[in-house]
Amino acid sequence: MTRRDAAARMRDELEAFIRGYREAIQWLAQPANRGDAADCIGRHMRVGRDEALQVYDRLLDPSNGIFRDMRISREGVDTVLRLRSIYGIPRKSLSDPDRYIDASYLSRALNK
């Protein structure tokens, strides 16, 4: 997430980040990398091997895990806006997730 003016100024860097993020997701999704990924999770979260494997499995759950196609959940953005409208300071009513999503960066990054 960033401001539109910052994204425009750093378009190349943002698109490179998106491509790197995609590569990381692809690496994570390879069953052969499950053990190494769990080791990394365990180190950074300071949890044991069994817990790290559970985190990995939840992260890659096809129904509730990370979006491997990198799409942005419109419903998720709607939820964030609704919560921000209720609890954010200063209070303001935020709606219309499409106002906050610019998929052009994702599209350009994935098509390079």
PDB file of N, CA and C in Angstrom:
ATOM      1  N   MET A   1       0.841  -1.150   0.000  1.00  0.00           N
ATOM      2  CA  MET A   1       0.000   0.000   0.000  1.00  0.00           C
ATOM      3  C   MET A   1       0.899   1.229   0.000  1.00  0.00           C
ATOM      4  N   THR A   2       0.508   2.188  -0.800  1.00  0.00           N
ATOM      5  CA  THR A   2       1.246   3.451  -0.843  1.00  0.00           C
ATOM      6  C   THR A   2       0.350   4.534  -1.432  1.00  0.00           C
ATOM      7  N   ARG A   3       0.822   5.725  -1.356  1.00  0.00           N
ATOM      8  CA  ARG A   3       0.095   6.836  -1.967  1.00  0.00           C
ATOM      9  C   ARG A   3       0.334   6.812  -3.475  1.00  0.00           C
ATOM     10  N   ARG A   4      -0.625   7.306  -4.209  1.00  0.00           N
ATOM     11  CA  ARG A   4      -0.512   7.298  -5.676  1.00  0.00           C
ATOM     12  C   ARG A   4       0.698   8.087  -6.167  1.00  0.00           C
ATOM     13  N   ASP A   5       0.965   9.234  -5.547  1.00  0.00           N
ATOM     14  CA  ASP A   5       2.103  10.041  -6.006  1.00  0.00           C
ATOM     15  C   ASP A   5       3.427   9.329  -5.747  1.00  0.00           C
ATOM     16  N   ALA A   6       3.540   8.624  -4.630  1.00  0.00           N
ATOM     17  CA  ALA A   6       4.766   7.872  -4.336  1.00  0.00           C
ATOM     18  C   ALA A   6       4.908   6.694  -5.302  1.00  0.00           C
ATOM     19  N   ALA A   7       3.809   6.021  -5.581  1.00  0.00           N
ATOM     20  CA  ALA A   7       3.855   4.891  -6.517  1.00  0.00           C
ATOM     21  C   ALA A   7       4.278   5.362  -7.906  1.00  0.00           C
ATOM     22  N   ALA A   8       3.763   6.481  -8.329  1.00  0.00           N
ATOM     23  CA  ALA A   8       4.114   6.996  -9.647  1.00  0.00           C
ATOM     24  C   ALA A   8       5.594   7.370  -9.716  1.00  0.00           C
ATOM     25  N   ARG A   9       6.116   7.962  -8.646  1.00  0.00           N
ATOM     26  CA  ARG A   9       7.531   8.346  -8.595  1.00  0.00           C
ATOM     27  C   ARG A   9       8.449   7.131  -8.612  1.00  0.00           C
ATOM     28  N   MET A  10       7.990   6.048  -8.022  1.00  0.00           N
ATOM     29  CA  MET A  10       8.841   4.868  -7.865  1.00  0.00           C
ATOM     30  C   MET A  10       8.285   3.671  -8.644  1.00  0.00           C
ATOM     31  N   ARG A  11       7.684   3.929  -9.786  1.00  0.00           N
ATOM     32  CA  ARG A  11       7.039   2.875 -10.573  1.00  0.00           C
ATOM     33  C   ARG A  11       7.973   1.698 -10.831  1.00  0.00           C
ATOM     34  N   ASP A  12       9.186   1.953 -11.299  1.00  0.00           N
ATOM     35  CA  ASP A  12      10.111   0.859 -11.617  1.00  0.00           C
ATOM     36  C   ASP A  12      10.433   0.022 -10.386  1.00  0.00           C
ATOM     37  N   GLU A  13      10.684   0.690  -9.262  1.00  0.00           N
ATOM     38  CA  GLU A  13      11.000  -0.031  -8.031  1.00  0.00           C
ATOM     39  C   GLU A  13       9.795  -0.839  -7.544  1.00  0.00           C
ATOM     40  N   LEU A  14       8.625  -0.259  -7.646  1.00  0.00           N
ATOM     41  CA  LEU A  14       7.403  -0.942  -7.221  1.00  0.00           C
ATOM     42  C   LEU A  14       7.150  -2.188  -8.072  1.00  0.00           C
ATOM     43  N   GLU A  15       7.330  -2.050  -9.370  1.00  0.00           N
ATOM     44  CA  GLU A  15       7.124  -3.200 -10.246  1.00  0.00           C
ATOM     45  C   GLU A  15       8.185  -4.277 -10.004  1.00  0.00           C
ATOM     46  N   ALA A  16       9.413  -3.873  -9.709  1.00  0.00           N
ATOM     47  CA  ALA A  16      10.463  -4.849  -9.382  1.00  0.00           C
ATOM     48  C   ALA A  16      10.120  -5.568  -8.080  1.00  0.00           C
ATOM     49  N   PHE A  17       9.595  -4.844  -7.105  1.00  0.00           N
ATOM     50  CA  PHE A  17       9.174  -5.458  -5.845  1.00  0.00           C
ATOM     51  C   PHE A  17       8.074  -6.484  -6.105  1.00  0.00           C
ATOM     52  N   ILE A  18       7.106  -6.131  -6.930  1.00  0.00           N
ATOM     53  CA  ILE A  18       6.002  -7.043  -7.246  1.00  0.00           C
ATOM     54  C   ILE A  18       6.539  -8.315  -7.894  1.00  0.00           C
ATOM     55  N   ARG A  19       7.464  -8.171  -8.829  1.00  0.00           N
ATOM     56  CA  ARG A  19       8.050  -9.356  -9.476  1.00  0.00           C
ATOM     57  C   ARG A  19       8.804 -10.221  -8.468  1.00  0.00           C
ATOM     58  N   GLY A  20       9.545  -9.582  -7.565  1.00  0.00           N
ATOM     59  CA  GLY A  20      10.255 -10.332  -6.534  1.00  0.00           C
ATOM     60  C   GLY A  20       9.299 -11.035  -5.593  1.00  0.00           C
ATOM     61  N   TYR A  21       8.222 -10.378  -5.251  1.00  0.00           N
ATOM     62  CA  TYR A  21       7.205 -10.973  -4.380  1.00  0.00           C
ATOM     63  C   TYR A  21       6.591 -12.198  -5.063  1.00  0.00           C
ATOM     64  N   ARG A  22       6.324 -12.076  -6.362  1.00  0.00           N
ATOM     65  CA  ARG A  22       5.777 -13.211  -7.117  1.00  0.00           C
ATOM     66  C   ARG A  22       6.754 -14.384  -7.096  1.00  0.00           C
ATOM     67  N   GLU A  23       8.033 -14.107  -7.282  1.00  0.00           N
ATOM     68  CA  GLU A  23       9.037 -15.180  -7.244  1.00  0.00           C
ATOM     69  C   GLU A  23       9.074 -15.846  -5.874  1.00  0.00           C
ATOM     70  N   ALA A  24       8.946 -15.040  -4.821  1.00  0.00           N
ATOM     71  CA  ALA A  24       8.946 -15.593  -3.466  1.00  0.00           C
ATOM     72  C   ALA A  24       7.737 -16.504  -3.251  1.00  0.00           C
ATOM     73  N   ILE A  25       6.583 -16.084  -3.724  1.00  0.00           N
ATOM     74  CA  ILE A  25       5.380 -16.910  -3.592  1.00  0.00           C
ATOM     75  C   ILE A  25       5.546 -18.204  -4.372  1.00  0.00           C
ATOM     76  N   GLN A  26       6.087 -18.115  -5.570  1.00  0.00           N
ATOM     77  CA  GLN A  26       6.304 -19.323  -6.374  1.00  0.00           C
ATOM     78  C   GLN A  26       7.270 -20.271  -5.669  1.00  0.00           C
ATOM     79  N   TRP A  27       8.327 -19.738  -5.064  1.00  0.00           N
ATOM     80  CA  TRP A  27       9.264 -20.576  -4.321  1.00  0.00           C
ATOM     81  C   TRP A  27       8.568 -21.244  -3.141  1.00  0.00           C
ATOM     82  N   LEU A  28       7.807 -20.444  -2.387  1.00  0.00           N
ATOM     83  CA  LEU A  28       7.089 -20.982  -1.232  1.00  0.00           C
ATOM     84  C   LEU A  28       6.141 -22.105  -1.617  1.00  0.00           C
ATOM     85  N   ALA A  29       5.500 -21.962  -2.752  1.00  0.00           N
ATOM     86  CA  ALA A  29       4.469 -22.912  -3.165  1.00  0.00           C
ATOM     87  C   ALA A  29       5.033 -24.252  -3.631  1.00  0.00           C
ATOM     88  N   GLN A  30       6.325 -24.331  -3.816  1.00  0.00           N
ATOM     89  CA  GLN A  30       6.937 -25.595  -4.242  1.00  0.00           C
ATOM     90  C   GLN A  30       7.042 -26.530  -3.035  1.00  0.00           C
ATOM     91  N   PRO A  31       6.386 -27.689  -3.103  1.00  0.00           N
ATOM     92  CA  PRO A  31       6.435 -28.626  -1.974  1.00  0.00           C
ATOM     93  C   PRO A  31       7.860 -28.964  -1.533  1.00  0.00           C
ATOM     94  N   ALA A  32       8.797 -28.982  -2.452  1.00  0.00           N
ATOM     95  CA  ALA A  32      10.185 -29.303  -2.105  1.00  0.00           C
ATOM     96  C   ALA A  32      10.803 -28.258  -1.177  1.00  0.00           C
ATOM     97  N   ASN A  33      10.228 -27.068  -1.112  1.00  0.00           N
ATOM     98  CA  ASN A  33      10.770 -25.991  -0.284  1.00  0.00           C
ATOM     99  C   ASN A  33      10.090 -25.869   1.075  1.00  0.00           C
ATOM    100  N   ARG A  34       9.140 -26.760   1.360  1.00  0.00           N
ATOM    101  CA  ARG A  34       8.365 -26.690   2.606  1.00  0.00           C
ATOM    102  C   ARG A  34       9.286 -26.673   3.829  1.00  0.00           C
ATOM    103  N   GLY A  35      10.260 -27.564   3.874  1.00  0.00           N
ATOM    104  CA  GLY A  35      11.160 -27.641   5.029  1.00  0.00           C
ATOM    105  C   GLY A  35      11.978 -26.385   5.207  1.00  0.00           C
ATOM    106  N   ASP A  36      12.576 -25.886   4.121  1.00  0.00           N
ATOM    107  CA  ASP A  36      13.377 -24.654   4.216  1.00  0.00           C
ATOM    108  C   ASP A  36      12.498 -23.470   4.614  1.00  0.00           C
ATOM    109  N   ALA A  37      11.288 -23.421   4.059  1.00  0.00           N
ATOM    110  CA  ALA A  37      10.375 -22.327   4.406  1.00  0.00           C
ATOM    111  C   ALA A  37       9.998 -22.403   5.886  1.00  0.00           C
ATOM    112  N   ALA A  38       9.734 -23.605   6.373  1.00  0.00           N
ATOM    113  CA  ALA A  38       9.397 -23.771   7.791  1.00  0.00           C
ATOM    114  C   ALA A  38      10.569 -23.370   8.679  1.00  0.00           C
ATOM    115  N   ASP A  39      11.790 -23.694   8.256  1.00  0.00           N
ATOM    116  CA  ASP A  39      12.972 -23.278   9.028  1.00  0.00           C
ATOM    117  C   ASP A  39      13.032 -21.755   9.126  1.00  0.00           C
ATOM    118  N   CYS A  40      12.780 -21.090   8.022  1.00  0.00           N
ATOM    119  CA  CYS A  40      12.794 -19.622   7.987  1.00  0.00           C
ATOM    120  C   CYS A  40      11.687 -19.060   8.891  1.00  0.00           C
ATOM    121  N   ILE A  41      10.499 -19.624   8.789  1.00  0.00           N
ATOM    122  CA  ILE A  41       9.376 -19.187   9.631  1.00  0.00           C
ATOM    123  C   ILE A  41       9.730 -19.381  11.098  1.00  0.00           C
ATOM    124  N   GLY A  42      10.274 -20.546  11.425  1.00  0.00           N
ATOM    125  CA  GLY A  42      10.632 -20.836  12.808  1.00  0.00           C
ATOM    126  C   GLY A  42      11.636 -19.848  13.367  1.00  0.00           C
ATOM    127  N   ARG A  43      12.653 -19.501  12.555  1.00  0.00           N
ATOM    128  CA  ARG A  43      13.668 -18.537  12.996  1.00  0.00           C
ATOM    129  C   ARG A  43      13.063 -17.158  13.248  1.00  0.00           C
ATOM    130  N   HIS A  44      12.249 -16.710  12.308  1.00  0.00           N
ATOM    131  CA  HIS A  44      11.738 -15.338  12.400  1.00  0.00           C
ATOM    132  C   HIS A  44      10.584 -15.197  13.381  1.00  0.00           C
ATOM    133  N   MET A  45       9.817 -16.255  13.538  1.00  0.00           N
ATOM    134  CA  MET A  45       8.694 -16.195  14.481  1.00  0.00           C
ATOM    135  C   MET A  45       9.065 -16.777  15.840  1.00  0.00           C
ATOM    136  N   ARG A  46      10.263 -17.371  15.906  1.00  0.00           N
ATOM    137  CA  ARG A  46      10.738 -17.988  17.140  1.00  0.00           C
ATOM    138  C   ARG A  46       9.756 -19.026  17.666  1.00  0.00           C
ATOM    139  N   VAL A  47       9.409 -19.934  16.753  1.00  0.00           N
ATOM    140  CA  VAL A  47       8.538 -21.053  17.108  1.00  0.00           C
ATOM    141  C   VAL A  47       9.233 -22.346  16.714  1.00  0.00           C
ATOM    142  N   GLY A  48       8.761 -23.440  17.279  1.00  0.00           N
ATOM    143  CA  GLY A  48       9.334 -24.743  16.979  1.00  0.00           C
ATOM    144  C   GLY A  48       8.968 -25.227  15.592  1.00  0.00           C
ATOM    145  N   ARG A  49       9.590 -26.307  15.203  1.00  0.00           N
ATOM    146  CA  ARG A  49       9.417 -26.869  13.859  1.00  0.00           C
ATOM    147  C   ARG A  49       7.958 -27.212  13.556  1.00  0.00           C
ATOM    148  N   ASP A  50       7.283 -27.878  14.495  1.00  0.00           N
ATOM    149  CA  ASP A  50       5.883 -28.272  14.256  1.00  0.00           C
ATOM    150  C   ASP A  50       4.992 -27.053  14.047  1.00  0.00           C
ATOM    151  N   GLU A  51       5.178 -26.031  14.876  1.00  0.00           N
ATOM    152  CA  GLU A  51       4.392 -24.802  14.717  1.00  0.00           C
ATOM    153  C   GLU A  51       4.717 -24.117  13.394  1.00  0.00           C
ATOM    154  N   ALA A  52       5.977 -24.097  13.027  1.00  0.00           N
ATOM    155  CA  ALA A  52       6.382 -23.466  11.768  1.00  0.00           C
ATOM    156  C   ALA A  52       5.758 -24.188  10.580  1.00  0.00           C
ATOM    157  N   LEU A  53       5.698 -25.500  10.637  1.00  0.00           N
ATOM    158  CA  LEU A  53       5.055 -26.258   9.560  1.00  0.00           C
ATOM    159  C   LEU A  53       3.559 -25.960   9.499  1.00  0.00           C
ATOM    160  N   GLN A  54       2.940 -25.778  10.647  1.00  0.00           N
ATOM    161  CA  GLN A  54       1.516 -25.415  10.669  1.00  0.00           C
ATOM    162  C   GLN A  54       1.298 -24.032  10.059  1.00  0.00           C
ATOM    163  N   VAL A  55       2.175 -23.099  10.394  1.00  0.00           N
ATOM    164  CA  VAL A  55       2.083 -21.754   9.812  1.00  0.00           C
ATOM    165  C   VAL A  55       2.226 -21.836   8.298  1.00  0.00           C
ATOM    166  N   TYR A  56       3.217 -22.590   7.845  1.00  0.00           N
ATOM    167  CA  TYR A  56       3.439 -22.765   6.404  1.00  0.00           C
ATOM    168  C   TYR A  56       2.172 -23.317   5.741  1.00  0.00           C
ATOM    169  N   ASP A  57       1.607 -24.364   6.328  1.00  0.00           N
ATOM    170  CA  ASP A  57       0.415 -24.982   5.744  1.00  0.00           C
ATOM    171  C   ASP A  57      -0.760 -24.013   5.702  1.00  0.00           C
ATOM    172  N   ARG A  58      -0.913 -23.208   6.728  1.00  0.00           N
ATOM    173  CA  ARG A  58      -1.998 -22.205   6.729  1.00  0.00           C
ATOM    174  C   ARG A  58      -1.740 -21.122   5.694  1.00  0.00           C
ATOM    175  N   LEU A  59      -0.496 -20.716   5.604  1.00  0.00           N
ATOM    176  CA  LEU A  59      -0.121 -19.678   4.645  1.00  0.00           C
ATOM    177  C   LEU A  59      -0.440 -20.107   3.216  1.00  0.00           C
ATOM    178  N   LEU A  60      -0.242 -21.379   2.921  1.00  0.00           N
ATOM    179  CA  LEU A  60      -0.445 -21.865   1.560  1.00  0.00           C
ATOM    180  C   LEU A  60      -1.770 -22.595   1.362  1.00  0.00           C
ATOM    181  N   ASP A  61      -2.647 -22.507   2.345  1.00  0.00           N
ATOM    182  CA  ASP A  61      -3.960 -23.136   2.210  1.00  0.00           C
ATOM    183  C   ASP A  61      -4.665 -22.572   0.968  1.00  0.00           C
ATOM    184  N   PRO A  62      -5.119 -23.449   0.057  1.00  0.00           N
ATOM    185  CA  PRO A  62      -5.711 -22.958  -1.196  1.00  0.00           C
ATOM    186  C   PRO A  62      -6.964 -22.101  -1.002  1.00  0.00           C
ATOM    187  N   SER A  63      -7.703 -22.336   0.080  1.00  0.00           N
ATOM    188  CA  SER A  63      -8.943 -21.585   0.293  1.00  0.00           C
ATOM    189  C   SER A  63      -8.741 -20.303   1.094  1.00  0.00           C
ATOM    190  N   ASN A  64      -7.872 -20.359   2.090  1.00  0.00           N
ATOM    191  CA  ASN A  64      -7.751 -19.233   3.011  1.00  0.00           C
ATOM    192  C   ASN A  64      -6.348 -18.652   3.108  1.00  0.00           C
ATOM    193  N   GLY A  65      -5.418 -19.171   2.337  1.00  0.00           N
ATOM    194  CA  GLY A  65      -4.035 -18.707   2.416  1.00  0.00           C
ATOM    195  C   GLY A  65      -3.755 -17.564   1.463  1.00  0.00           C
ATOM    196  N   ILE A  66      -2.475 -17.338   1.280  1.00  0.00           N
ATOM    197  CA  ILE A  66      -2.001 -16.261   0.420  1.00  0.00           C
ATOM    198  C   ILE A  66      -2.495 -16.457  -1.018  1.00  0.00           C
ATOM    199  N   PHE A  67      -2.812 -15.367  -1.677  1.00  0.00           N
ATOM    200  CA  PHE A  67      -3.264 -15.431  -3.062  1.00  0.00           C
ATOM    201  C   PHE A  67      -2.055 -15.654  -3.957  1.00  0.00           C
ATOM    202  N   ARG A  68      -1.944 -16.815  -4.511  1.00  0.00           N
ATOM    203  CA  ARG A  68      -0.784 -17.129  -5.346  1.00  0.00           C
ATOM    204  C   ARG A  68      -0.796 -16.350  -6.658  1.00  0.00           C
ATOM    205  N   ASP A  69      -1.978 -15.924  -7.090  1.00  0.00           N
ATOM    206  CA  ASP A  69      -2.054 -15.144  -8.327  1.00  0.00           C
ATOM    207  C   ASP A  69      -1.894 -13.646  -8.053  1.00  0.00           C
ATOM    208  N   MET A  70      -1.680 -13.310  -6.797  1.00  0.00           N
ATOM    209  CA  MET A  70      -1.410 -11.945  -6.341  1.00  0.00           C
ATOM    210  C   MET A  70      -2.573 -10.977  -6.526  1.00  0.00           C
ATOM    211  N   ARG A  71      -3.754 -11.508  -6.713  1.00  0.00           N
ATOM    212  CA  ARG A  71      -4.895 -10.612  -6.853  1.00  0.00           C
ATOM    213  C   ARG A  71      -5.158  -9.884  -5.541  1.00  0.00           C
ATOM    214  N   ILE A  72      -5.830  -8.781  -5.631  1.00  0.00           N
ATOM    215  CA  ILE A  72      -6.189  -8.003  -4.457  1.00  0.00           C
ATOM    216  C   ILE A  72      -7.638  -8.317  -4.125  1.00  0.00           C
ATOM    217  N   SER A  73      -7.884  -8.683  -2.896  1.00  0.00           N
ATOM    218  CA  SER A  73      -9.233  -9.016  -2.458  1.00  0.00           C
ATOM    219  C   SER A  73     -10.047  -7.739  -2.286  1.00  0.00           C
ATOM    220  N   ARG A  74     -11.010  -7.555  -3.161  1.00  0.00           N
ATOM    221  CA  ARG A  74     -11.873  -6.376  -3.061  1.00  0.00           C
ATOM    222  C   ARG A  74     -12.628  -6.409  -1.733  1.00  0.00           C
ATOM    223  N   GLU A  75     -13.067  -7.630  -1.325  1.00  0.00           N
ATOM    224  CA  GLU A  75     -13.775  -7.759  -0.045  1.00  0.00           C
ATOM    225  C   GLU A  75     -12.854  -7.410   1.119  1.00  0.00           C
ATOM    226  N   GLY A  76     -11.575  -7.795   1.012  1.00  0.00           N
ATOM    227  CA  GLY A  76     -10.618  -7.453   2.059  1.00  0.00           C
ATOM    228  C   GLY A  76     -10.422  -5.955   2.170  1.00  0.00           C
ATOM    229  N   VAL A  77     -10.295  -5.284   1.039  1.00  0.00           N
ATOM    230  CA  VAL A  77     -10.143  -3.827   1.053  1.00  0.00           C
ATOM    231  C   VAL A  77     -11.405  -3.181   1.623  1.00  0.00           C
ATOM    232  N   ASP A  78     -12.570  -3.714   1.265  1.00  0.00           N
ATOM    233  CA  ASP A  78     -13.829  -3.201   1.795  1.00  0.00           C
ATOM    234  C   ASP A  78     -13.859  -3.325   3.320  1.00  0.00           C
ATOM    235  N   THR A  79     -13.378  -4.446   3.838  1.00  0.00           N
ATOM    236  CA  THR A  79     -13.331  -4.651   5.286  1.00  0.00           C
ATOM    237  C   THR A  79     -12.400  -3.642   5.949  1.00  0.00           C
ATOM    238  N   VAL A  80     -11.221  -3.436   5.370  1.00  0.00           N
ATOM    239  CA  VAL A  80     -10.281  -2.456   5.915  1.00  0.00           C
ATOM    240  C   VAL A  80     -10.915  -1.069   5.924  1.00  0.00           C
ATOM    241  N   LEU A  81     -11.580  -0.700   4.855  1.00  0.00           N
ATOM    242  CA  LEU A  81     -12.212   0.622   4.788  1.00  0.00           C
ATOM    243  C   LEU A  81     -13.320   0.760   5.829  1.00  0.00           C
ATOM    244  N   ARG A  82     -14.097  -0.299   5.994  1.00  0.00           N
ATOM    245  CA  ARG A  82     -15.179  -0.276   6.978  1.00  0.00           C
ATOM    246  C   ARG A  82     -14.604  -0.126   8.399  1.00  0.00           C
ATOM    247  N   LEU A  83     -13.545  -0.892   8.715  1.00  0.00           N
ATOM    248  CA  LEU A  83     -12.931  -0.791  10.040  1.00  0.00           C
ATOM    249  C   LEU A  83     -12.292   0.588  10.246  1.00  0.00           C
ATOM    250  N   ARG A  84     -11.642   1.112   9.208  1.00  0.00           N
ATOM    251  CA  ARG A  84     -11.032   2.443   9.293  1.00  0.00           C
ATOM    252  C   ARG A  84     -12.095   3.507   9.527  1.00  0.00           C
ATOM    253  N   SER A  85     -13.248   3.332   8.903  1.00  0.00           N
ATOM    254  CA  SER A  85     -14.345   4.288   9.076  1.00  0.00           C
ATOM    255  C   SER A  85     -14.861   4.285  10.510  1.00  0.00           C
ATOM    256  N   ILE A  86     -14.839   3.131  11.143  1.00  0.00           N
ATOM    257  CA  ILE A  86     -15.349   3.006  12.513  1.00  0.00           C
ATOM    258  C   ILE A  86     -14.309   3.443  13.543  1.00  0.00           C
ATOM    259  N   TYR A  87     -13.074   2.964  13.384  1.00  0.00           N
ATOM    260  CA  TYR A  87     -12.074   3.126  14.439  1.00  0.00           C
ATOM    261  C   TYR A  87     -10.983   4.155  14.140  1.00  0.00           C
ATOM    262  N   GLY A  88     -10.885   4.605  12.919  1.00  0.00           N
ATOM    263  CA  GLY A  88      -9.808   5.520  12.559  1.00  0.00           C
ATOM    264  C   GLY A  88      -9.986   6.904  13.137  1.00  0.00           C
ATOM    265  N   ILE A  89      -8.864   7.557  13.372  1.00  0.00           N
ATOM    266  CA  ILE A  89      -8.882   8.933  13.863  1.00  0.00           C
ATOM    267  C   ILE A  89      -8.036   9.758  12.904  1.00  0.00           C
ATOM    268  N   PRO A  90      -8.541  10.804  12.331  1.00  0.00           N
ATOM    269  CA  PRO A  90      -9.895  11.300  12.490  1.00  0.00           C
ATOM    270  C   PRO A  90     -10.900  10.393  11.789  1.00  0.00           C
ATOM    271  N   ARG A  91     -12.104  10.426  12.284  1.00  0.00           N
ATOM    272  CA  ARG A  91     -13.152   9.595  11.701  1.00  0.00           C
ATOM    273  C   ARG A  91     -13.581  10.171  10.365  1.00  0.00           C
ATOM    274  N   LYS A  92     -13.702   9.272   9.410  1.00  0.00           N
ATOM    275  CA  LYS A  92     -14.265   9.661   8.121  1.00  0.00           C
ATOM    276  C   LYS A  92     -14.837   8.422   7.487  1.00  0.00           C
ATOM    277  N   SER A  93     -15.849   8.607   6.701  1.00  0.00           N
ATOM    278  CA  SER A  93     -16.513   7.487   6.049  1.00  0.00           C
ATOM    279  C   SER A  93     -15.762   7.138   4.765  1.00  0.00           C
ATOM    280  N   LEU A  94     -15.255   5.917   4.710  1.00  0.00           N
ATOM    281  CA  LEU A  94     -14.533   5.455   3.532  1.00  0.00           C
ATOM    282  C   LEU A  94     -15.313   4.301   2.905  1.00  0.00           C
ATOM    283  N   SER A  95     -15.426   4.340   1.602  1.00  0.00           N
ATOM    284  CA  SER A  95     -16.131   3.279   0.896  1.00  0.00           C
ATOM    285  C   SER A  95     -15.526   3.152  -0.497  1.00  0.00           C
ATOM    286  N   ASP A  96     -16.108   2.337  -1.316  1.00  0.00           N
ATOM    287  CA  ASP A  96     -15.686   2.115  -2.689  1.00  0.00           C
ATOM    288  C   ASP A  96     -14.236   1.661  -2.798  1.00  0.00           C
ATOM    289  N   PRO A  97     -14.001   0.361  -2.557  1.00  0.00           N
ATOM    290  CA  PRO A  97     -12.640  -0.182  -2.647  1.00  0.00           C
ATOM    291  C   PRO A  97     -11.948   0.126  -3.972  1.00  0.00           C
ATOM    292  N   ASP A  98     -12.710   0.234  -5.045  1.00  0.00           N
ATOM    293  CA  ASP A  98     -12.094   0.487  -6.347  1.00  0.00           C
ATOM    294  C   ASP A  98     -11.370   1.832  -6.389  1.00  0.00           C
ATOM    295  N   ARG A  99     -11.760   2.728  -5.525  1.00  0.00           N
ATOM    296  CA  ARG A  99     -11.091   4.023  -5.456  1.00  0.00           C
ATOM    297  C   ARG A  99      -9.652   3.886  -4.940  1.00  0.00           C
ATOM    298  N   TYR A 100      -9.381   2.811  -4.225  1.00  0.00           N
ATOM    299  CA  TYR A 100      -8.083   2.629  -3.573  1.00  0.00           C
ATOM    300  C   TYR A 100      -7.217   1.562  -4.234  1.00  0.00           C
ATOM    301  N   ILE A 101      -7.720   0.926  -5.255  1.00  0.00           N
ATOM    302  CA  ILE A 101      -6.976  -0.147  -5.920  1.00  0.00           C
ATOM    303  C   ILE A 101      -6.550   0.316  -7.307  1.00  0.00           C
ATOM    304  N   ASP A 102      -5.264   0.225  -7.577  1.00  0.00           N
ATOM    305  CA  ASP A 102      -4.733   0.507  -8.910  1.00  0.00           C
ATOM    306  C   ASP A 102      -3.967  -0.733  -9.353  1.00  0.00           C
ATOM    307  N   ALA A 103      -4.615  -1.568 -10.113  1.00  0.00           N
ATOM    308  CA  ALA A 103      -4.026  -2.838 -10.536  1.00  0.00           C
ATOM    309  C   ALA A 103      -3.051  -2.673 -11.697  1.00  0.00           C
ATOM    310  N   SER A 104      -2.843  -1.458 -12.176  1.00  0.00           N
ATOM    311  CA  SER A 104      -1.966  -1.265 -13.325  1.00  0.00           C
ATOM    312  C   SER A 104      -0.526  -1.643 -12.981  1.00  0.00           C
ATOM    313  N   TYR A 105      -0.087  -1.424 -11.760  1.00  0.00           N
ATOM    314  CA  TYR A 105       1.277  -1.772 -11.368  1.00  0.00           C
ATOM    315  C   TYR A 105       1.466  -3.282 -11.382  1.00  0.00           C
ATOM    316  N   LEU A 106       0.498  -3.996 -10.845  1.00  0.00           N
ATOM    317  CA  LEU A 106       0.543  -5.450 -10.851  1.00  0.00           C
ATOM    318  C   LEU A 106       0.525  -5.976 -12.275  1.00  0.00           C
ATOM    319  N   SER A 107      -0.348  -5.463 -13.080  1.00  0.00           N
ATOM    320  CA  SER A 107      -0.460  -5.901 -14.459  1.00  0.00           C
ATOM    321  C   SER A 107       0.835  -5.666 -15.232  1.00  0.00           C
ATOM    322  N   ARG A 108       1.394  -4.483 -15.117  1.00  0.00           N
ATOM    323  CA  ARG A 108       2.654  -4.177 -15.827  1.00  0.00           C
ATOM    324  C   ARG A 108       3.795  -5.054 -15.327  1.00  0.00           C
ATOM    325  N   ALA A 109       3.871  -5.246 -14.003  1.00  0.00           N
ATOM    326  CA  ALA A 109       4.970  -6.039 -13.444  1.00  0.00           C
ATOM    327  C   ALA A 109       4.895  -7.486 -13.902  1.00  0.00           C
ATOM    328  N   LEU A 110       3.700  -8.038 -13.951  1.00  0.00           N
ATOM    329  CA  LEU A 110       3.552  -9.449 -14.308  1.00  0.00           C
ATOM    330  C   LEU A 110       3.666  -9.689 -15.809  1.00  0.00           C
ATOM    331  N   ASN A 111       3.545  -8.646 -16.595  1.00  0.00           N
ATOM    332  CA  ASN A 111       3.632  -8.806 -18.042  1.00  0.00           C
ATOM    333  C   ASN A 111       4.999  -8.400 -18.595  1.00  0.00           C
ATOM    334  N   LYS A 112       5.960  -8.136 -17.730  1.00  0.00           N
ATOM    335  CA  LYS A 112       7.312  -7.793 -18.194  1.00  0.00           C
ATOM    336  C   LYS A 112       8.146  -9.038 -18.327  1.00  0.00           C
TER     337      LYS A 112
END
